[in-house]
Amino acid sequence: MVKYIRYSFKGSLAILAFSLLLSCSSGYKVVKANRAEYAIDKTIAADSAVIKTYLPYKQQLDSEMNQVLGYSEVAMVKSNDLPETVLGNFFSDAVLQQALKYDPTIDFSMPSTKGGIRVDVPKGAIKLSNIFELMPFENELVAFTIKGADVQELINFIAASNGQPVAGIRLKIVDKKPVDVFIQGKPFDPQRTYRVLTSDYVAGGGDNALGFKNPIEKKVLGLKVRDAIIGYVKEVQAAGKTINTKLDGRITKN
């Protein structure tokens, strides 16, 4: 009898709650809505209160972003049409050099795709802001041990996409296929394994990149792509040198 009363009480509460919900429903509905557009442009007077609030933070950020890390003797220009670019070589060489400090067993790298390299780097002073614009993402560097078949899949992707930023590897593209592939100066051997450096974004298939789905080993280096580039430029500057990256034929196309 007690159990019956308990269930009946719960059922009554549910019915009561539903009834209250119906009774609270409004009988009103929207029949007309007015809206207005307000242009945000130079005709609007600056709000001094807003400026006063953000100005100290802006000044601090500008000071940090305008610091000069080093100097480049050449303008490094982005291009998706060429198989090899000075900017791609600079990017890949810088990242690989820094990553080798964390893992000296790395054979070659493709730290980004062409799409991941966002802007040009001008000739002259290289500021911190230039590197943040070049690589605005928080991508981490990862070293993989992969089988020769997976390396083949990766270099097929590089060739089919008309070249990508690489270091430590050389190849020719003929009819969108890779030929004469050399890794660390030696002919590519599909029967062996290789240590390949890339970013977590590329490794996850970003920009349709291939080759990293079934690694034998994966090692997160604890180094961001952007930080590797910053470290490289600073080291070149500290050595009293300038950036003078050139095309070296690492990817050619017939």
C-alpha atoms as a PDB file:
ATOM      1  CA  MET A   1       0.000   0.000   0.000  1.00  0.00           C
ATOM      2  CA  VAL A   2       2.826   2.368   0.852  1.00  0.00           C
ATOM      3  CA  LYS A   3       4.570   1.660  -2.477  1.00  0.00           C
ATOM      4  CA  TYR A   4       1.356   2.459  -4.369  1.00  0.00           C
ATOM      5  CA  ILE A   5       0.977   5.784  -2.579  1.00  0.00           C
ATOM      6  CA  ARG A   6       4.609   6.714  -3.362  1.00  0.00           C
ATOM      7  CA  TYR A   7       4.244   6.062  -7.087  1.00  0.00           C
ATOM      8  CA  SER A   8       0.896   7.838  -7.181  1.00  0.00           C
ATOM      9  CA  PHE A   9       2.423  10.851  -5.472  1.00  0.00           C
ATOM     10  CA  LYS A  10       5.285  10.993  -8.029  1.00  0.00           C
ATOM     11  CA  GLY A  11       2.825  10.690 -10.868  1.00  0.00           C
ATOM     12  CA  SER A  12       0.705  13.496  -9.453  1.00  0.00           C
ATOM     13  CA  LEU A  13       3.758  15.740  -9.202  1.00  0.00           C
ATOM     14  CA  ALA A  14       4.603  15.111 -12.849  1.00  0.00           C
ATOM     15  CA  ILE A  15       1.071  15.937 -13.939  1.00  0.00           C
ATOM     16  CA  LEU A  16       1.044  19.080 -11.803  1.00  0.00           C
ATOM     17  CA  ALA A  17       4.406  20.256 -13.203  1.00  0.00           C
ATOM     18  CA  PHE A  18       3.201  19.723 -16.770  1.00  0.00           C
ATOM     19  CA  SER A  19      -0.014  21.612 -16.054  1.00  0.00           C
ATOM     20  CA  LEU A  20       1.901  24.537 -14.558  1.00  0.00           C
ATOM     21  CA  LEU A  21       4.166  24.626 -17.595  1.00  0.00           C
ATOM     22  CA  LEU A  22       1.178  24.858 -19.920  1.00  0.00           C
ATOM     23  CA  SER A  23      -0.472  27.512 -17.797  1.00  0.00           C
ATOM     24  CA  CYS A  24       2.730  29.620 -17.821  1.00  0.00           C
ATOM     25  CA  SER A  25       3.065  29.546 -21.606  1.00  0.00           C
ATOM     26  CA  SER A  26       2.584  33.000 -23.077  1.00  0.00           C
ATOM     27  CA  GLY A  27      -0.105  33.640 -25.614  1.00  0.00           C
ATOM     28  CA  TYR A  28       2.049  36.301 -27.268  1.00  0.00           C
ATOM     29  CA  LYS A  29       4.031  35.902 -30.451  1.00  0.00           C
ATOM     30  CA  VAL A  30       6.389  38.145 -32.412  1.00  0.00           C
ATOM     31  CA  VAL A  31       4.592  39.857 -35.283  1.00  0.00           C
ATOM     32  CA  LYS A  32       7.149  42.570 -36.065  1.00  0.00           C
ATOM     33  CA  ALA A  33      10.814  43.220 -35.322  1.00  0.00           C
ATOM     34  CA  ASN A  34      12.687  46.473 -35.824  1.00  0.00           C
ATOM     35  CA  ARG A  35      16.429  46.571 -36.308  1.00  0.00           C
ATOM     36  CA  ALA A  36      18.952  49.200 -37.181  1.00  0.00           C
ATOM     37  CA  GLU A  37      22.509  49.045 -38.499  1.00  0.00           C
ATOM     38  CA  TYR A  38      25.224  51.220 -37.014  1.00  0.00           C
ATOM     39  CA  ALA A  39      28.349  51.654 -39.123  1.00  0.00           C
ATOM     40  CA  ILE A  40      31.638  51.261 -37.280  1.00  0.00           C
ATOM     41  CA  ASP A  41      34.040  53.521 -39.150  1.00  0.00           C
ATOM     42  CA  LYS A  42      36.318  56.539 -38.761  1.00  0.00           C
ATOM     43  CA  THR A  43      33.361  58.894 -38.409  1.00  0.00           C
ATOM     44  CA  ILE A  44      32.688  57.539 -34.917  1.00  0.00           C
ATOM     45  CA  ALA A  45      34.484  59.461 -32.213  1.00  0.00           C
ATOM     46  CA  ALA A  46      36.919  57.462 -30.124  1.00  0.00           C
ATOM     47  CA  ASP A  47      35.692  56.504 -26.679  1.00  0.00           C
ATOM     48  CA  SER A  48      38.336  57.799 -24.292  1.00  0.00           C
ATOM     49  CA  ALA A  49      37.204  55.447 -21.525  1.00  0.00           C
ATOM     50  CA  VAL A  50      37.723  52.401 -23.744  1.00  0.00           C
ATOM     51  CA  ILE A  51      41.106  53.659 -24.930  1.00  0.00           C
ATOM     52  CA  LYS A  52      42.206  54.293 -21.366  1.00  0.00           C
ATOM     53  CA  THR A  53      41.296  50.717 -20.463  1.00  0.00           C
ATOM     54  CA  TYR A  54      43.141  48.888 -23.239  1.00  0.00           C
ATOM     55  CA  LEU A  55      46.038  51.272 -23.956  1.00  0.00           C
ATOM     56  CA  PRO A  56      48.455  49.901 -21.293  1.00  0.00           C
ATOM     57  CA  TYR A  57      47.958  46.368 -22.646  1.00  0.00           C
ATOM     58  CA  LYS A  58      48.397  47.548 -26.243  1.00  0.00           C
ATOM     59  CA  GLN A  59      51.600  49.349 -25.400  1.00  0.00           C
ATOM     60  CA  GLN A  60      53.019  46.278 -23.690  1.00  0.00           C
ATOM     61  CA  LEU A  61      52.010  44.009 -26.572  1.00  0.00           C
ATOM     62  CA  ASP A  62      53.444  46.408 -29.175  1.00  0.00           C
ATOM     63  CA  SER A  63      56.694  46.550 -27.260  1.00  0.00           C
ATOM     64  CA  GLU A  64      56.979  42.758 -27.268  1.00  0.00           C
ATOM     65  CA  MET A  65      55.888  42.238 -30.867  1.00  0.00           C
ATOM     66  CA  ASN A  66      58.219  44.946 -32.221  1.00  0.00           C
ATOM     67  CA  GLN A  67      61.374  43.443 -30.761  1.00  0.00           C
ATOM     68  CA  VAL A  68      63.850  42.538 -33.520  1.00  0.00           C
ATOM     69  CA  LEU A  69      64.964  38.901 -33.452  1.00  0.00           C
ATOM     70  CA  GLY A  70      67.338  39.006 -36.409  1.00  0.00           C
ATOM     71  CA  TYR A  71      67.777  40.114 -40.010  1.00  0.00           C
ATOM     72  CA  SER A  72      67.166  38.587 -43.413  1.00  0.00           C
ATOM     73  CA  GLU A  73      69.184  39.453 -46.507  1.00  0.00           C
ATOM     74  CA  VAL A  74      66.318  38.363 -48.766  1.00  0.00           C
ATOM     75  CA  ALA A  75      62.558  38.735 -48.913  1.00  0.00           C
ATOM     76  CA  MET A  76      60.993  35.328 -48.295  1.00  0.00           C
ATOM     77  CA  VAL A  77      57.785  35.090 -50.280  1.00  0.00           C
ATOM     78  CA  LYS A  78      54.893  32.663 -49.942  1.00  0.00           C
ATOM     79  CA  SER A  79      53.762  30.766 -53.069  1.00  0.00           C
ATOM     80  CA  ASN A  80      51.471  27.779 -53.557  1.00  0.00           C
ATOM     81  CA  ASP A  81      52.409  27.472 -57.226  1.00  0.00           C
ATOM     82  CA  LEU A  82      56.101  26.608 -56.911  1.00  0.00           C
ATOM     83  CA  PRO A  83      57.418  23.214 -55.718  1.00  0.00           C
ATOM     84  CA  GLU A  84      60.201  24.907 -53.725  1.00  0.00           C
ATOM     85  CA  THR A  85      60.316  28.400 -52.188  1.00  0.00           C
ATOM     86  CA  VAL A  86      62.831  30.343 -50.144  1.00  0.00           C
ATOM     87  CA  LEU A  87      60.195  30.837 -47.450  1.00  0.00           C
ATOM     88  CA  GLY A  88      59.423  27.112 -47.313  1.00  0.00           C
ATOM     89  CA  ASN A  89      63.140  26.281 -47.069  1.00  0.00           C
ATOM     90  CA  PHE A  90      63.673  28.819 -44.294  1.00  0.00           C
ATOM     91  CA  PHE A  91      60.670  27.531 -42.364  1.00  0.00           C
ATOM     92  CA  SER A  92      61.620  23.848 -42.680  1.00  0.00           C
ATOM     93  CA  ASP A  93      65.345  24.292 -42.037  1.00  0.00           C
ATOM     94  CA  ALA A  94      64.707  26.411 -38.953  1.00  0.00           C
ATOM     95  CA  VAL A  95      62.278  23.941 -37.443  1.00  0.00           C
ATOM     96  CA  LEU A  96      64.426  20.885 -38.199  1.00  0.00           C
ATOM     97  CA  GLN A  97      67.562  22.444 -36.747  1.00  0.00           C
ATOM     98  CA  GLN A  98      65.825  23.213 -33.471  1.00  0.00           C
ATOM     99  CA  ALA A  99      64.003  19.858 -33.327  1.00  0.00           C
ATOM    100  CA  LEU A 100      67.273  17.939 -33.703  1.00  0.00           C
ATOM    101  CA  LYS A 101      68.255  19.239 -30.267  1.00  0.00           C
ATOM    102  CA  TYR A 102      65.306  17.287 -28.859  1.00  0.00           C
ATOM    103  CA  ASP A 103      65.647  14.238 -31.096  1.00  0.00           C
ATOM    104  CA  PRO A 104      68.903  13.866 -33.083  1.00  0.00           C
ATOM    105  CA  THR A 105      67.602  10.717 -34.807  1.00  0.00           C
ATOM    106  CA  ILE A 106      65.203  12.642 -37.087  1.00  0.00           C
ATOM    107  CA  ASP A 107      65.860  11.898 -40.774  1.00  0.00           C
ATOM    108  CA  PHE A 108      63.760  14.562 -42.481  1.00  0.00           C
ATOM    109  CA  SER A 109      60.884  16.920 -41.883  1.00  0.00           C
ATOM    110  CA  MET A 110      57.715  18.357 -43.325  1.00  0.00           C
ATOM    111  CA  PRO A 111      56.763  20.664 -40.437  1.00  0.00           C
ATOM    112  CA  SER A 112      53.894  22.319 -42.261  1.00  0.00           C
ATOM    113  CA  THR A 113      52.017  22.348 -45.510  1.00  0.00           C
ATOM    114  CA  LYS A 114      52.074  25.320 -47.864  1.00  0.00           C
ATOM    115  CA  GLY A 115      48.705  26.345 -46.480  1.00  0.00           C
ATOM    116  CA  GLY A 116      50.052  26.425 -42.936  1.00  0.00           C
ATOM    117  CA  ILE A 117      52.687  29.025 -43.827  1.00  0.00           C
ATOM    118  CA  ARG A 118      50.587  32.155 -43.685  1.00  0.00           C
ATOM    119  CA  VAL A 119      52.540  35.231 -44.812  1.00  0.00           C
ATOM    120  CA  ASP A 120      55.788  36.490 -46.354  1.00  0.00           C
ATOM    121  CA  VAL A 121      58.804  37.437 -44.260  1.00  0.00           C
ATOM    122  CA  PRO A 122      60.239  40.777 -45.437  1.00  0.00           C
ATOM    123  CA  LYS A 123      63.841  41.582 -46.177  1.00  0.00           C
ATOM    124  CA  GLY A 124      65.562  43.340 -43.302  1.00  0.00           C
ATOM    125  CA  ALA A 125      64.575  43.225 -39.654  1.00  0.00           C
ATOM    126  CA  ILE A 126      62.630  40.151 -38.568  1.00  0.00           C
ATOM    127  CA  LYS A 127      60.361  41.106 -35.692  1.00  0.00           C
ATOM    128  CA  LEU A 128      58.568  38.827 -33.288  1.00  0.00           C
ATOM    129  CA  SER A 129      55.316  39.952 -34.910  1.00  0.00           C
ATOM    130  CA  ASN A 130      56.575  38.604 -38.265  1.00  0.00           C
ATOM    131  CA  ILE A 131      56.969  35.135 -36.797  1.00  0.00           C
ATOM    132  CA  PHE A 132      53.553  35.223 -35.129  1.00  0.00           C
ATOM    133  CA  GLU A 133      52.012  36.235 -38.458  1.00  0.00           C
ATOM    134  CA  LEU A 134      53.995  33.548 -40.267  1.00  0.00           C
ATOM    135  CA  MET A 135      52.874  30.858 -37.818  1.00  0.00           C
ATOM    136  CA  PRO A 136      49.845  32.037 -35.794  1.00  0.00           C
ATOM    137  CA  PHE A 137      48.863  28.549 -34.613  1.00  0.00           C
ATOM    138  CA  GLU A 138      49.846  26.684 -31.450  1.00  0.00           C
ATOM    139  CA  ASN A 139      50.970  23.580 -33.357  1.00  0.00           C
ATOM    140  CA  GLU A 140      53.309  21.163 -31.567  1.00  0.00           C
ATOM    141  CA  LEU A 141      56.206  19.340 -33.189  1.00  0.00           C
ATOM    142  CA  VAL A 142      56.019  15.549 -33.243  1.00  0.00           C
ATOM    143  CA  ALA A 143      58.617  12.987 -34.370  1.00  0.00           C
ATOM    144  CA  PHE A 144      57.346   9.734 -35.836  1.00  0.00           C
ATOM    145  CA  THR A 145      59.004   6.470 -36.690  1.00  0.00           C
ATOM    146  CA  ILE A 146      57.161   5.203 -39.755  1.00  0.00           C
ATOM    147  CA  LYS A 147      57.585   2.340 -42.195  1.00  0.00           C
ATOM    148  CA  GLY A 148      58.924   2.815 -45.687  1.00  0.00           C
ATOM    149  CA  ALA A 149      55.460   2.268 -47.118  1.00  0.00           C
ATOM    150  CA  ASP A 150      54.138   5.171 -45.062  1.00  0.00           C
ATOM    151  CA  VAL A 151      57.063   7.356 -46.108  1.00  0.00           C
ATOM    152  CA  GLN A 152      56.167   6.506 -49.687  1.00  0.00           C
ATOM    153  CA  GLU A 153      52.615   7.644 -49.006  1.00  0.00           C
ATOM    154  CA  LEU A 154      53.942  10.916 -47.602  1.00  0.00           C
ATOM    155  CA  ILE A 155      56.252  11.642 -50.525  1.00  0.00           C
ATOM    156  CA  ASN A 156      53.444  10.734 -52.927  1.00  0.00           C
ATOM    157  CA  PHE A 157      51.383  13.432 -51.207  1.00  0.00           C
ATOM    158  CA  ILE A 158      54.262  15.917 -51.492  1.00  0.00           C
ATOM    159  CA  ALA A 159      54.578  15.274 -55.221  1.00  0.00           C
ATOM    160  CA  ALA A 160      50.843  15.202 -55.942  1.00  0.00           C
ATOM    161  CA  SER A 161      50.406  18.563 -54.184  1.00  0.00           C
ATOM    162  CA  ASN A 162      53.197  20.206 -56.238  1.00  0.00           C
ATOM    163  CA  GLY A 163      55.738  20.228 -53.414  1.00  0.00           C
ATOM    164  CA  GLN A 164      55.618  21.050 -49.716  1.00  0.00           C
ATOM    165  CA  PRO A 165      58.020  22.682 -47.212  1.00  0.00           C
ATOM    166  CA  VAL A 166      60.621  19.999 -46.412  1.00  0.00           C
ATOM    167  CA  ALA A 167      64.138  19.604 -45.043  1.00  0.00           C
ATOM    168  CA  GLY A 168      66.476  16.621 -45.128  1.00  0.00           C
ATOM    169  CA  ILE A 169      64.859  15.165 -48.243  1.00  0.00           C
ATOM    170  CA  ARG A 170      65.260  15.798 -51.975  1.00  0.00           C
ATOM    171  CA  LEU A 171      63.042  14.643 -54.823  1.00  0.00           C
ATOM    172  CA  LYS A 172      61.878  15.348 -58.344  1.00  0.00           C
ATOM    173  CA  ILE A 173      58.253  15.588 -59.381  1.00  0.00           C
ATOM    174  CA  VAL A 174      57.357  14.009 -62.711  1.00  0.00           C
ATOM    175  CA  ASP A 175      53.680  13.857 -63.680  1.00  0.00           C
ATOM    176  CA  LYS A 176      52.745  14.535 -60.037  1.00  0.00           C
ATOM    177  CA  LYS A 177      54.762  11.526 -58.853  1.00  0.00           C
ATOM    178  CA  PRO A 178      58.049  11.464 -56.875  1.00  0.00           C
ATOM    179  CA  VAL A 179      61.238  10.180 -58.474  1.00  0.00           C
ATOM    180  CA  ASP A 180      64.921  10.241 -57.476  1.00  0.00           C
ATOM    181  CA  VAL A 181      64.096  10.529 -53.775  1.00  0.00           C
ATOM    182  CA  PHE A 182      67.035  11.013 -51.420  1.00  0.00           C
ATOM    183  CA  ILE A 183      66.840  11.205 -47.615  1.00  0.00           C
ATOM    184  CA  GLN A 184      69.907  12.495 -45.784  1.00  0.00           C
ATOM    185  CA  GLY A 185      71.812  12.175 -49.061  1.00  0.00           C
ATOM    186  CA  LYS A 186      70.977   8.473 -49.521  1.00  0.00           C
ATOM    187  CA  PRO A 187      68.458   6.911 -51.911  1.00  0.00           C
ATOM    188  CA  PHE A 188      65.089   6.288 -50.287  1.00  0.00           C
ATOM    189  CA  ASP A 189      64.776   2.668 -49.150  1.00  0.00           C
ATOM    190  CA  PRO A 190      61.137   1.536 -48.869  1.00  0.00           C
ATOM    191  CA  GLN A 191      62.228  -1.479 -46.816  1.00  0.00           C
ATOM    192  CA  ARG A 192      63.506   0.501 -43.827  1.00  0.00           C
ATOM    193  CA  THR A 193      61.930   2.808 -41.254  1.00  0.00           C
ATOM    194  CA  TYR A 194      62.491   6.557 -40.991  1.00  0.00           C
ATOM    195  CA  ARG A 195      62.169   9.214 -38.314  1.00  0.00           C
ATOM    196  CA  VAL A 196      59.999  12.007 -39.688  1.00  0.00           C
ATOM    197  CA  LEU A 197      59.296  15.373 -38.080  1.00  0.00           C
ATOM    198  CA  THR A 198      55.990  17.141 -38.554  1.00  0.00           C
ATOM    199  CA  SER A 199      53.356  19.072 -36.627  1.00  0.00           C
ATOM    200  CA  ASP A 200      50.413  17.606 -34.735  1.00  0.00           C
ATOM    201  CA  TYR A 201      48.121  19.286 -37.274  1.00  0.00           C
ATOM    202  CA  VAL A 202      49.758  17.669 -40.304  1.00  0.00           C
ATOM    203  CA  ALA A 203      50.048  14.324 -38.513  1.00  0.00           C
ATOM    204  CA  GLY A 204      46.295  14.381 -37.914  1.00  0.00           C
ATOM    205  CA  GLY A 205      45.651  14.642 -41.659  1.00  0.00           C
ATOM    206  CA  GLY A 206      45.474  18.425 -41.828  1.00  0.00           C
ATOM    207  CA  ASP A 207      45.378  19.753 -45.401  1.00  0.00           C
ATOM    208  CA  ASN A 208      44.861  16.127 -46.501  1.00  0.00           C
ATOM    209  CA  ALA A 209      48.433  15.132 -45.585  1.00  0.00           C
ATOM    210  CA  LEU A 210      49.146  11.391 -45.601  1.00  0.00           C
ATOM    211  CA  GLY A 211      51.587   8.945 -44.037  1.00  0.00           C
ATOM    212  CA  PHE A 212      51.160   9.268 -40.277  1.00  0.00           C
ATOM    213  CA  LYS A 213      48.125   7.114 -39.484  1.00  0.00           C
ATOM    214  CA  ASN A 214      50.019   3.979 -38.421  1.00  0.00           C
ATOM    215  CA  PRO A 215      53.306   5.034 -36.792  1.00  0.00           C
ATOM    216  CA  ILE A 216      55.637   2.582 -35.123  1.00  0.00           C
ATOM    217  CA  GLU A 217      56.496   5.282 -32.575  1.00  0.00           C
ATOM    218  CA  LYS A 218      55.282   8.793 -31.811  1.00  0.00           C
ATOM    219  CA  LYS A 219      57.203  11.343 -29.745  1.00  0.00           C
ATOM    220  CA  VAL A 220      55.815  14.773 -28.826  1.00  0.00           C
ATOM    221  CA  LEU A 221      58.870  17.018 -28.516  1.00  0.00           C
ATOM    222  CA  GLY A 222      57.350  19.679 -26.272  1.00  0.00           C
ATOM    223  CA  LEU A 223      58.328  22.358 -28.768  1.00  0.00           C
ATOM    224  CA  LYS A 224      55.903  24.514 -30.734  1.00  0.00           C
ATOM    225  CA  VAL A 225      56.583  25.143 -34.414  1.00  0.00           C
ATOM    226  CA  ARG A 226      56.573  28.910 -33.866  1.00  0.00           C
ATOM    227  CA  ASP A 227      58.974  28.694 -30.920  1.00  0.00           C
ATOM    228  CA  ALA A 228      61.383  26.638 -33.024  1.00  0.00           C
ATOM    229  CA  ILE A 229      61.474  29.371 -35.690  1.00  0.00           C
ATOM    230  CA  ILE A 230      61.957  32.087 -33.058  1.00  0.00           C
ATOM    231  CA  GLY A 231      64.803  30.120 -31.483  1.00  0.00           C
ATOM    232  CA  TYR A 232      66.497  29.634 -34.845  1.00  0.00           C
ATOM    233  CA  VAL A 233      66.379  33.331 -35.803  1.00  0.00           C
ATOM    234  CA  LYS A 234      67.705  34.338 -32.386  1.00  0.00           C
ATOM    235  CA  GLU A 235      70.598  31.902 -32.634  1.00  0.00           C
ATOM    236  CA  VAL A 236      71.585  33.163 -36.080  1.00  0.00           C
ATOM    237  CA  GLN A 237      71.538  36.717 -34.732  1.00  0.00           C
ATOM    238  CA  ALA A 238      73.537  35.754 -31.639  1.00  0.00           C
ATOM    239  CA  ALA A 239      76.196  34.241 -33.923  1.00  0.00           C
ATOM    240  CA  GLY A 240      76.525  37.607 -35.681  1.00  0.00           C
ATOM    241  CA  LYS A 241      74.960  36.299 -38.895  1.00  0.00           C
ATOM    242  CA  THR A 242      71.915  37.084 -41.002  1.00  0.00           C
ATOM    243  CA  ILE A 243      69.298  34.856 -42.604  1.00  0.00           C
ATOM    244  CA  ASN A 244      70.231  34.229 -46.234  1.00  0.00           C
ATOM    245  CA  THR A 245      68.135  31.258 -47.311  1.00  0.00           C
ATOM    246  CA  LYS A 246      68.297  30.241 -50.972  1.00  0.00           C
ATOM    247  CA  LEU A 247      66.697  27.746 -53.313  1.00  0.00           C
ATOM    248  CA  ASP A 248      68.825  24.596 -53.374  1.00  0.00           C
ATOM    249  CA  GLY A 249      66.854  22.219 -55.595  1.00  0.00           C
ATOM    250  CA  ARG A 250      65.475  20.050 -52.796  1.00  0.00           C
ATOM    251  CA  ILE A 251      62.240  19.760 -54.796  1.00  0.00           C
ATOM    252  CA  THR A 252      62.301  20.138 -58.568  1.00  0.00           C
ATOM    253  CA  LYS A 253      59.639  19.597 -61.173  1.00  0.00           C
ATOM    254  CA  ASN A 254      59.971  18.373 -64.743  1.00  0.00           C
END
